[in-house]
N, C-alpha and C. Protein backbone atom coordinates (compact mmCIF):
# COMPACT_ATOMS: atom_id res chain seq x y z
N MET A 1 0.84 -1.19 0.03
CA MET A 1 -0.01 -0.03 0.00
C MET A 1 0.90 1.26 0.00
N VAL A 2 0.42 2.23 -0.76
CA VAL A 2 1.10 3.54 -0.75
C VAL A 2 0.09 4.59 -0.29
N HIS A 3 0.52 5.49 0.59
CA HIS A 3 -0.19 6.68 0.97
C HIS A 3 0.61 7.88 0.35
N PHE A 4 0.00 8.57 -0.59
CA PHE A 4 0.72 9.63 -1.34
C PHE A 4 0.02 10.93 -1.24
N GLU A 5 0.78 12.00 -1.06
CA GLU A 5 0.23 13.36 -0.99
C GLU A 5 0.76 14.13 -2.24
N PRO A 6 -0.09 14.33 -3.20
CA PRO A 6 0.41 14.90 -4.46
C PRO A 6 0.51 16.44 -4.50
N THR A 7 -0.04 17.14 -3.52
CA THR A 7 0.04 18.57 -3.47
C THR A 7 0.01 19.14 -2.07
N GLN A 8 0.40 20.37 -1.93
CA GLN A 8 0.30 21.12 -0.72
C GLN A 8 -0.83 22.17 -0.84
N LYS A 9 -1.59 22.12 -1.93
CA LYS A 9 -2.67 23.16 -2.09
C LYS A 9 -3.97 22.65 -1.58
N CYS A 10 -4.76 23.58 -1.04
CA CYS A 10 -6.08 23.29 -0.55
C CYS A 10 -6.86 24.66 -0.50
N GLN A 11 -8.11 24.60 -0.95
CA GLN A 11 -8.91 25.87 -0.90
C GLN A 11 -9.53 26.05 0.42
N ALA A 12 -9.56 25.07 1.26
CA ALA A 12 -10.18 25.13 2.64
C ALA A 12 -9.16 25.71 3.65
N SER A 13 -9.71 26.10 4.77
CA SER A 13 -8.82 26.65 5.83
C SER A 13 -9.42 26.05 7.16
N CYS A 14 -9.31 24.78 7.30
CA CYS A 14 -9.84 24.09 8.49
C CYS A 14 -8.98 24.49 9.71
N PRO A 15 -9.66 24.85 10.79
CA PRO A 15 -8.90 25.37 11.98
C PRO A 15 -7.80 24.48 12.54
N MET A 16 -8.08 23.14 12.50
CA MET A 16 -7.08 22.28 13.15
C MET A 16 -6.06 21.68 12.18
N CYS A 17 -6.10 22.16 10.89
CA CYS A 17 -5.21 21.62 9.87
C CYS A 17 -3.82 22.19 10.03
N ASP A 18 -2.83 21.38 9.85
CA ASP A 18 -1.43 21.75 9.86
C ASP A 18 -1.06 22.75 8.71
N ARG A 19 -1.87 22.75 7.74
CA ARG A 19 -1.63 23.53 6.57
C ARG A 19 -1.62 25.03 6.80
N ASN A 20 -2.42 25.38 7.84
CA ASN A 20 -2.54 26.82 8.11
C ASN A 20 -2.47 27.09 9.61
N LYS A 21 -2.57 28.34 9.97
CA LYS A 21 -2.52 28.78 11.36
C LYS A 21 -3.87 29.01 11.88
N ASN A 22 -4.46 28.03 12.58
CA ASN A 22 -5.79 28.10 13.20
C ASN A 22 -6.85 28.60 12.19
N GLY A 23 -6.81 28.09 10.96
CA GLY A 23 -7.81 28.43 9.97
C GLY A 23 -7.49 29.69 9.23
N GLY A 24 -6.30 30.23 9.46
CA GLY A 24 -5.97 31.55 8.88
C GLY A 24 -4.87 31.41 7.83
N ALA A 25 -3.79 32.13 8.04
CA ALA A 25 -2.69 32.21 7.08
C ALA A 25 -2.04 30.81 6.83
N VAL A 26 -1.59 30.58 5.66
CA VAL A 26 -0.99 29.28 5.30
C VAL A 26 0.37 29.20 6.06
N ASN A 27 0.62 27.98 6.52
CA ASN A 27 1.90 27.69 7.15
C ASN A 27 3.03 28.19 6.33
N GLN A 28 3.93 28.94 6.90
CA GLN A 28 4.99 29.61 6.17
C GLN A 28 6.04 28.55 5.64
N TYR A 29 6.03 27.32 6.11
CA TYR A 29 6.98 26.35 5.68
C TYR A 29 6.49 25.52 4.53
N LEU A 30 5.26 25.79 4.08
CA LEU A 30 4.74 25.14 2.88
C LEU A 30 4.98 25.98 1.63
N THR A 31 5.12 25.30 0.51
CA THR A 31 5.45 25.98 -0.74
C THR A 31 4.29 25.94 -1.79
N ASN A 32 3.17 25.28 -1.40
CA ASN A 32 2.03 25.02 -2.34
C ASN A 32 2.49 24.30 -3.59
N ARG A 33 3.44 23.42 -3.44
CA ARG A 33 3.98 22.66 -4.54
C ARG A 33 3.12 21.49 -4.91
N ASP A 34 3.08 21.14 -6.21
CA ASP A 34 2.43 19.98 -6.75
C ASP A 34 3.46 19.02 -7.29
N ILE A 35 3.18 17.76 -7.23
CA ILE A 35 3.95 16.75 -7.96
C ILE A 35 3.43 16.71 -9.32
N SER A 36 4.25 16.67 -10.37
CA SER A 36 3.88 16.60 -11.75
C SER A 36 3.68 15.12 -12.13
N ILE A 37 3.02 14.85 -13.24
CA ILE A 37 2.90 13.49 -13.70
C ILE A 37 4.31 12.92 -14.06
N GLU A 38 5.19 13.76 -14.50
CA GLU A 38 6.50 13.30 -14.89
C GLU A 38 7.30 12.87 -13.61
N GLU A 39 7.17 13.61 -12.54
CA GLU A 39 7.80 13.24 -11.30
C GLU A 39 7.17 11.99 -10.77
N PHE A 40 5.88 11.93 -10.85
CA PHE A 40 5.08 10.72 -10.31
C PHE A 40 5.56 9.47 -10.96
N LYS A 41 5.77 9.52 -12.27
CA LYS A 41 6.26 8.32 -13.04
C LYS A 41 7.66 7.89 -12.61
N ILE A 42 8.48 8.84 -12.19
CA ILE A 42 9.81 8.57 -11.72
C ILE A 42 9.69 7.93 -10.32
N ILE A 43 8.88 8.51 -9.45
CA ILE A 43 8.68 8.02 -8.10
C ILE A 43 8.12 6.64 -8.05
N PHE A 44 7.15 6.39 -8.93
CA PHE A 44 6.42 5.15 -9.01
C PHE A 44 6.55 4.45 -10.37
N PRO A 45 7.68 3.76 -10.61
CA PRO A 45 7.85 3.05 -11.88
C PRO A 45 6.81 1.91 -11.97
N ILE A 46 6.64 1.49 -13.21
CA ILE A 46 5.62 0.47 -13.54
C ILE A 46 5.75 -0.82 -12.71
N ASP A 47 6.99 -1.29 -12.57
CA ASP A 47 7.22 -2.57 -11.82
C ASP A 47 6.82 -2.40 -10.34
N PHE A 48 7.03 -1.20 -9.78
CA PHE A 48 6.60 -0.96 -8.43
C PHE A 48 5.10 -0.93 -8.30
N LEU A 49 4.44 -0.23 -9.17
CA LEU A 49 2.95 -0.15 -9.15
C LEU A 49 2.32 -1.55 -9.32
N ALA A 50 2.95 -2.41 -10.17
CA ALA A 50 2.37 -3.67 -10.45
C ALA A 50 2.20 -4.56 -9.17
N GLN A 51 3.04 -4.33 -8.25
CA GLN A 51 2.97 -5.24 -7.03
C GLN A 51 2.15 -4.66 -5.88
N LEU A 52 1.48 -3.54 -6.10
CA LEU A 52 0.70 -2.91 -5.03
C LEU A 52 -0.72 -3.46 -5.02
N GLU A 53 -1.32 -3.45 -3.77
CA GLU A 53 -2.72 -3.85 -3.64
C GLU A 53 -3.60 -2.60 -3.53
N SER A 54 -3.04 -1.49 -2.94
CA SER A 54 -3.82 -0.23 -2.82
C SER A 54 -2.97 0.95 -2.92
N PHE A 55 -3.61 2.03 -3.28
CA PHE A 55 -2.94 3.34 -3.48
C PHE A 55 -3.87 4.39 -2.96
N PHE A 56 -3.43 5.20 -1.98
CA PHE A 56 -4.31 6.14 -1.23
C PHE A 56 -3.77 7.53 -1.54
N PHE A 57 -4.59 8.37 -2.20
CA PHE A 57 -4.23 9.82 -2.43
C PHE A 57 -4.90 10.58 -1.25
N CYS A 58 -4.10 11.21 -0.45
CA CYS A 58 -4.62 11.94 0.66
C CYS A 58 -3.78 13.19 0.86
N GLY A 59 -3.96 13.84 1.91
CA GLY A 59 -3.16 15.07 2.22
C GLY A 59 -3.16 15.49 3.66
N ASN A 60 -1.99 15.73 4.24
CA ASN A 60 -1.94 16.34 5.48
C ASN A 60 -1.80 17.91 5.33
N HIS A 61 -1.25 18.26 4.16
CA HIS A 61 -1.00 19.61 3.90
C HIS A 61 -1.75 20.19 2.66
N GLY A 62 -2.49 19.31 2.02
CA GLY A 62 -3.20 19.73 0.83
C GLY A 62 -4.31 18.74 0.53
N ASP A 63 -5.19 19.11 -0.37
CA ASP A 63 -6.30 18.25 -0.87
C ASP A 63 -5.85 17.70 -2.20
N PRO A 64 -5.80 16.37 -2.36
CA PRO A 64 -5.33 15.78 -3.63
C PRO A 64 -6.06 16.32 -4.87
N ILE A 65 -7.34 16.66 -4.78
CA ILE A 65 -8.09 17.08 -6.02
C ILE A 65 -7.54 18.44 -6.52
N LEU A 66 -6.77 19.09 -5.76
CA LEU A 66 -6.18 20.41 -6.25
C LEU A 66 -4.96 20.22 -7.01
N CYS A 67 -4.38 18.96 -7.01
CA CYS A 67 -3.18 18.66 -7.79
C CYS A 67 -3.58 18.67 -9.33
N PRO A 68 -2.93 19.52 -10.15
CA PRO A 68 -3.30 19.59 -11.54
C PRO A 68 -3.18 18.27 -12.32
N ASP A 69 -2.30 17.41 -11.90
CA ASP A 69 -2.07 16.13 -12.61
C ASP A 69 -2.68 14.95 -11.85
N LEU A 70 -3.67 15.16 -11.00
CA LEU A 70 -4.17 14.02 -10.26
C LEU A 70 -4.85 12.96 -11.24
N ILE A 71 -5.68 13.37 -12.18
CA ILE A 71 -6.30 12.43 -13.08
C ILE A 71 -5.28 11.68 -13.89
N PRO A 72 -4.23 12.37 -14.48
CA PRO A 72 -3.21 11.58 -15.18
C PRO A 72 -2.48 10.57 -14.29
N MET A 73 -2.30 10.92 -12.98
CA MET A 73 -1.70 9.98 -12.03
C MET A 73 -2.59 8.78 -11.83
N VAL A 74 -3.83 9.02 -11.59
CA VAL A 74 -4.80 7.96 -11.37
C VAL A 74 -4.83 6.99 -12.63
N LYS A 75 -4.90 7.64 -13.79
CA LYS A 75 -4.96 6.82 -15.00
C LYS A 75 -3.69 5.95 -15.13
N TYR A 76 -2.55 6.57 -14.87
CA TYR A 76 -1.23 5.86 -14.93
C TYR A 76 -1.23 4.64 -13.97
N VAL A 77 -1.65 4.87 -12.76
CA VAL A 77 -1.72 3.75 -11.82
C VAL A 77 -2.68 2.68 -12.30
N ARG A 78 -3.86 3.13 -12.73
CA ARG A 78 -4.86 2.05 -13.18
C ARG A 78 -4.40 1.30 -14.45
N GLU A 79 -3.74 2.03 -15.30
CA GLU A 79 -3.21 1.41 -16.53
C GLU A 79 -2.16 0.29 -16.23
N HIS A 80 -1.40 0.50 -15.22
CA HIS A 80 -0.32 -0.45 -14.94
C HIS A 80 -0.63 -1.39 -13.77
N ASN A 81 -1.81 -1.24 -13.15
CA ASN A 81 -2.29 -2.18 -12.14
C ASN A 81 -3.83 -2.08 -12.14
N PRO A 82 -4.47 -2.75 -13.15
CA PRO A 82 -5.92 -2.70 -13.26
C PRO A 82 -6.73 -3.10 -12.09
N ASN A 83 -6.16 -3.95 -11.19
CA ASN A 83 -6.94 -4.46 -10.05
C ASN A 83 -6.64 -3.78 -8.72
N ILE A 84 -5.84 -2.76 -8.82
CA ILE A 84 -5.50 -1.99 -7.56
C ILE A 84 -6.67 -1.28 -6.99
N ARG A 85 -6.74 -1.27 -5.68
CA ARG A 85 -7.76 -0.47 -4.92
C ARG A 85 -7.16 0.92 -4.74
N MET A 86 -7.81 1.88 -5.32
CA MET A 86 -7.28 3.25 -5.33
C MET A 86 -8.35 4.20 -4.81
N TRP A 87 -8.02 5.01 -3.81
CA TRP A 87 -9.05 5.98 -3.30
C TRP A 87 -8.38 7.32 -2.93
N ILE A 88 -9.30 8.29 -2.76
CA ILE A 88 -8.94 9.69 -2.47
C ILE A 88 -9.76 10.09 -1.30
N THR A 89 -9.16 10.90 -0.42
CA THR A 89 -9.90 11.59 0.62
C THR A 89 -9.82 13.06 0.29
N THR A 90 -10.95 13.75 0.27
CA THR A 90 -11.10 15.15 -0.14
C THR A 90 -12.23 15.83 0.61
N ASN A 91 -12.11 17.20 0.63
CA ASN A 91 -13.30 17.98 1.10
C ASN A 91 -14.30 18.10 -0.07
N GLY A 92 -13.95 17.78 -1.22
CA GLY A 92 -14.86 17.76 -2.35
C GLY A 92 -15.31 19.13 -2.90
N GLY A 93 -14.80 20.18 -2.43
CA GLY A 93 -15.26 21.49 -2.81
C GLY A 93 -14.54 22.19 -3.98
N ALA A 94 -13.97 21.44 -4.85
CA ALA A 94 -13.33 22.03 -6.03
C ALA A 94 -13.48 21.18 -7.22
N ARG A 95 -13.21 21.70 -8.35
CA ARG A 95 -13.19 21.06 -9.68
C ARG A 95 -14.58 21.18 -10.40
N THR A 96 -14.60 20.77 -11.63
CA THR A 96 -15.82 20.82 -12.44
C THR A 96 -16.50 19.46 -12.51
N ALA A 97 -17.75 19.52 -12.95
CA ALA A 97 -18.48 18.24 -13.14
C ALA A 97 -17.80 17.35 -14.12
N LYS A 98 -17.26 17.87 -15.21
CA LYS A 98 -16.52 17.06 -16.18
C LYS A 98 -15.33 16.33 -15.52
N TRP A 99 -14.65 17.05 -14.63
CA TRP A 99 -13.49 16.43 -13.94
C TRP A 99 -13.97 15.33 -13.06
N TRP A 100 -15.04 15.51 -12.30
CA TRP A 100 -15.57 14.43 -11.42
C TRP A 100 -16.07 13.25 -12.20
N GLU A 101 -16.64 13.45 -13.34
CA GLU A 101 -17.12 12.41 -14.21
C GLU A 101 -15.95 11.54 -14.70
N GLU A 102 -14.85 12.23 -15.08
CA GLU A 102 -13.67 11.52 -15.52
C GLU A 102 -13.03 10.73 -14.40
N LEU A 103 -12.96 11.31 -13.28
CA LEU A 103 -12.32 10.66 -12.10
C LEU A 103 -13.06 9.36 -11.80
N ALA A 104 -14.38 9.34 -11.85
CA ALA A 104 -15.21 8.24 -11.53
C ALA A 104 -14.89 6.99 -12.44
N GLN A 105 -14.30 7.24 -13.57
CA GLN A 105 -13.97 6.10 -14.47
C GLN A 105 -12.66 5.36 -14.06
N TYR A 106 -11.89 5.93 -13.12
CA TYR A 106 -10.60 5.36 -12.78
C TYR A 106 -10.43 5.02 -11.33
N ILE A 107 -11.04 5.70 -10.45
CA ILE A 107 -10.80 5.59 -9.04
C ILE A 107 -11.75 4.55 -8.38
N SER A 108 -11.32 3.84 -7.39
CA SER A 108 -12.13 2.83 -6.73
C SER A 108 -13.22 3.49 -5.89
N PHE A 109 -12.82 4.51 -5.12
CA PHE A 109 -13.79 5.29 -4.41
C PHE A 109 -13.21 6.58 -3.85
N VAL A 110 -14.08 7.48 -3.49
CA VAL A 110 -13.67 8.77 -2.89
C VAL A 110 -14.29 8.89 -1.56
N ASN A 111 -13.47 9.25 -0.61
CA ASN A 111 -13.99 9.54 0.76
C ASN A 111 -14.10 11.03 0.90
N PHE A 112 -15.34 11.47 0.93
CA PHE A 112 -15.73 12.90 1.08
C PHE A 112 -15.76 13.21 2.50
N SER A 113 -14.94 14.28 2.93
CA SER A 113 -14.91 14.70 4.33
C SER A 113 -15.95 15.82 4.40
N VAL A 114 -17.11 15.53 4.96
CA VAL A 114 -18.21 16.46 5.03
C VAL A 114 -18.65 16.53 6.56
N ASP A 115 -18.40 17.60 7.16
CA ASP A 115 -18.59 17.70 8.63
C ASP A 115 -19.83 18.49 9.01
N GLY A 116 -20.94 17.93 8.64
CA GLY A 116 -22.19 18.56 8.95
C GLY A 116 -23.10 18.73 7.74
N LEU A 117 -24.05 19.56 7.80
CA LEU A 117 -24.98 19.85 6.67
C LEU A 117 -24.72 21.29 6.20
N GLU A 118 -25.59 21.78 5.38
CA GLU A 118 -25.38 23.10 4.79
C GLU A 118 -25.11 24.18 5.79
N ASP A 119 -25.73 24.16 6.90
CA ASP A 119 -25.59 25.23 7.87
C ASP A 119 -24.43 25.04 8.89
N THR A 120 -23.70 23.89 8.77
CA THR A 120 -22.66 23.68 9.71
C THR A 120 -21.31 23.24 9.03
N ASN A 121 -21.32 22.58 7.94
CA ASN A 121 -20.10 22.14 7.27
C ASN A 121 -19.03 23.21 7.19
N HIS A 122 -19.40 24.38 6.81
CA HIS A 122 -18.47 25.50 6.59
C HIS A 122 -17.83 25.89 7.95
N LEU A 123 -18.38 25.61 9.09
CA LEU A 123 -17.84 26.01 10.34
C LEU A 123 -16.44 25.41 10.57
N TYR A 124 -16.27 24.24 10.09
CA TYR A 124 -14.93 23.58 10.19
C TYR A 124 -14.26 23.57 8.83
N ARG A 125 -14.96 23.14 7.78
CA ARG A 125 -14.42 23.11 6.41
C ARG A 125 -14.60 24.48 5.80
N ARG A 126 -13.84 25.44 6.36
CA ARG A 126 -13.89 26.85 5.90
C ARG A 126 -13.53 26.90 4.41
N ASN A 127 -14.21 27.77 3.72
CA ASN A 127 -14.07 28.01 2.28
C ASN A 127 -14.48 26.88 1.35
N VAL A 128 -15.21 25.90 1.93
CA VAL A 128 -15.79 24.85 1.11
C VAL A 128 -17.24 25.20 0.90
N ASP A 129 -17.59 25.54 -0.36
CA ASP A 129 -18.96 25.91 -0.69
C ASP A 129 -19.85 24.63 -0.74
N TRP A 130 -20.91 24.75 0.01
CA TRP A 130 -21.85 23.56 0.14
C TRP A 130 -22.44 23.14 -1.19
N ASN A 131 -22.84 24.13 -1.99
CA ASN A 131 -23.51 23.77 -3.24
C ASN A 131 -22.47 23.16 -4.23
N THR A 132 -21.29 23.66 -4.25
CA THR A 132 -20.28 23.06 -5.10
C THR A 132 -19.95 21.64 -4.60
N LEU A 133 -19.78 21.46 -3.33
CA LEU A 133 -19.54 20.13 -2.77
C LEU A 133 -20.67 19.13 -3.15
N MET A 134 -21.91 19.51 -2.89
CA MET A 134 -23.04 18.60 -3.20
C MET A 134 -23.15 18.34 -4.69
N ASN A 135 -22.87 19.35 -5.57
CA ASN A 135 -22.88 19.07 -7.01
C ASN A 135 -21.80 18.09 -7.45
N ASN A 136 -20.61 18.24 -6.81
CA ASN A 136 -19.51 17.34 -7.12
C ASN A 136 -19.82 15.95 -6.69
N VAL A 137 -20.39 15.81 -5.47
CA VAL A 137 -20.73 14.46 -4.99
C VAL A 137 -21.81 13.80 -5.94
N LYS A 138 -22.83 14.59 -6.25
CA LYS A 138 -23.89 14.03 -7.13
C LYS A 138 -23.31 13.66 -8.48
N THR A 139 -22.47 14.49 -9.02
CA THR A 139 -21.84 14.21 -10.35
C THR A 139 -21.04 12.90 -10.31
N PHE A 140 -20.20 12.82 -9.28
CA PHE A 140 -19.37 11.63 -9.08
C PHE A 140 -20.19 10.36 -8.95
N ILE A 141 -21.21 10.39 -8.10
CA ILE A 141 -22.05 9.24 -7.87
C ILE A 141 -22.81 8.89 -9.15
N ASN A 142 -23.41 9.89 -9.81
CA ASN A 142 -24.14 9.67 -11.07
C ASN A 142 -23.24 9.07 -12.19
N ALA A 143 -21.96 9.35 -12.16
CA ALA A 143 -21.00 8.82 -13.10
C ALA A 143 -20.53 7.40 -12.75
N GLY A 144 -21.12 6.82 -11.68
CA GLY A 144 -20.76 5.48 -11.25
C GLY A 144 -19.72 5.42 -10.17
N GLY A 145 -19.37 6.54 -9.61
CA GLY A 145 -18.35 6.55 -8.56
C GLY A 145 -18.88 6.01 -7.24
N LYS A 146 -18.03 5.34 -6.55
CA LYS A 146 -18.31 4.84 -5.18
C LYS A 146 -17.80 5.79 -4.17
N THR A 147 -18.57 5.98 -3.06
CA THR A 147 -18.23 7.08 -2.15
C THR A 147 -18.44 6.63 -0.68
N THR A 148 -17.78 7.32 0.18
CA THR A 148 -18.07 7.28 1.61
C THR A 148 -18.15 8.73 2.12
N TRP A 149 -18.89 8.94 3.14
CA TRP A 149 -19.01 10.24 3.78
C TRP A 149 -18.34 10.11 5.17
N GLU A 150 -17.29 10.92 5.37
CA GLU A 150 -16.61 10.97 6.62
C GLU A 150 -17.02 12.25 7.37
N PHE A 151 -17.53 12.06 8.55
CA PHE A 151 -18.18 13.14 9.31
C PHE A 151 -17.37 13.31 10.62
N LEU A 152 -16.61 14.40 10.79
CA LEU A 152 -15.98 14.69 12.04
C LEU A 152 -17.06 15.34 12.96
N VAL A 153 -17.19 14.84 14.18
CA VAL A 153 -18.27 15.31 15.08
C VAL A 153 -17.71 16.37 16.01
N PHE A 154 -18.42 17.47 15.98
CA PHE A 154 -18.11 18.62 16.88
C PHE A 154 -19.38 19.00 17.64
N ARG A 155 -19.30 19.86 18.59
CA ARG A 155 -20.52 20.32 19.31
C ARG A 155 -21.48 20.95 18.35
N HIS A 156 -20.91 21.72 17.34
CA HIS A 156 -21.83 22.51 16.49
C HIS A 156 -22.56 21.61 15.46
N ASN A 157 -22.12 20.37 15.27
CA ASN A 157 -22.78 19.49 14.24
C ASN A 157 -23.28 18.15 14.76
N GLU A 158 -23.04 17.84 16.06
CA GLU A 158 -23.39 16.52 16.58
C GLU A 158 -24.88 16.21 16.50
N HIS A 159 -25.68 17.24 16.48
CA HIS A 159 -27.17 17.08 16.33
C HIS A 159 -27.54 16.69 14.91
N GLN A 160 -26.66 16.66 13.98
CA GLN A 160 -26.95 16.45 12.59
C GLN A 160 -26.49 15.08 12.11
N ILE A 161 -25.97 14.26 12.99
CA ILE A 161 -25.48 12.96 12.55
C ILE A 161 -26.50 12.11 11.82
N GLU A 162 -27.69 11.96 12.38
CA GLU A 162 -28.74 11.14 11.76
C GLU A 162 -29.20 11.78 10.49
N GLN A 163 -29.39 13.08 10.43
CA GLN A 163 -29.79 13.72 9.21
C GLN A 163 -28.73 13.54 8.09
N ALA A 164 -27.47 13.61 8.48
CA ALA A 164 -26.41 13.47 7.53
C ALA A 164 -26.40 12.02 6.99
N LYS A 165 -26.62 11.03 7.88
CA LYS A 165 -26.73 9.68 7.42
C LYS A 165 -27.87 9.45 6.43
N GLU A 166 -28.97 10.08 6.74
CA GLU A 166 -30.16 9.96 5.83
C GLU A 166 -29.83 10.58 4.46
N LEU A 167 -29.21 11.75 4.48
CA LEU A 167 -28.81 12.48 3.26
C LEU A 167 -27.84 11.64 2.45
N ALA A 168 -26.89 11.05 3.16
CA ALA A 168 -25.89 10.25 2.50
C ALA A 168 -26.51 9.06 1.81
N TYR A 169 -27.34 8.39 2.44
CA TYR A 169 -28.05 7.23 1.82
C TYR A 169 -28.93 7.64 0.66
N SER A 170 -29.64 8.73 0.86
CA SER A 170 -30.54 9.16 -0.20
C SER A 170 -29.74 9.64 -1.45
N MET A 171 -28.54 10.11 -1.31
CA MET A 171 -27.74 10.55 -2.38
C MET A 171 -27.01 9.43 -3.09
N GLY A 172 -26.90 8.26 -2.43
CA GLY A 172 -26.25 7.10 -2.99
C GLY A 172 -24.81 6.84 -2.55
N PHE A 173 -24.51 7.50 -1.39
CA PHE A 173 -23.19 7.18 -0.81
C PHE A 173 -23.16 5.75 -0.43
N ASN A 174 -21.98 5.06 -0.47
CA ASN A 174 -21.82 3.69 -0.12
C ASN A 174 -21.68 3.53 1.42
């Protein structure tokens, strides 16, 4: 298994994230760098990919969907290991419908980090627009994508757990 962080970019400013200072300014030690598809191919040669069972795109300092070459990376992994289990964890608040439709063709599943409903998700997932997030989720699911909803519980959203479960099931989350 590989856990890989392809970017230091993220549009969100979550208060407890190492990427920023309490939900504010970006950590001065980060460069907002992305790994390119060319670098990715050097880091992960074909023979290495072929022996893997799973590949996890995540981020401690960035959201993988903000990496410009994420889909080429996912395609490259899938091409050289068709049976690999490959997933992404994201706040889901970026990219176009076309991008999410294409991603659904290659990725095993996406773990959407959604911490509440429309009136509370933004309290922790700052700068994540609810409508964009929900449109991206719907687009991905409608394109055949498999999903999970990861919900961090806080005092401000704990009363929404059951509602969030109902919404998740009604939308087609796995």
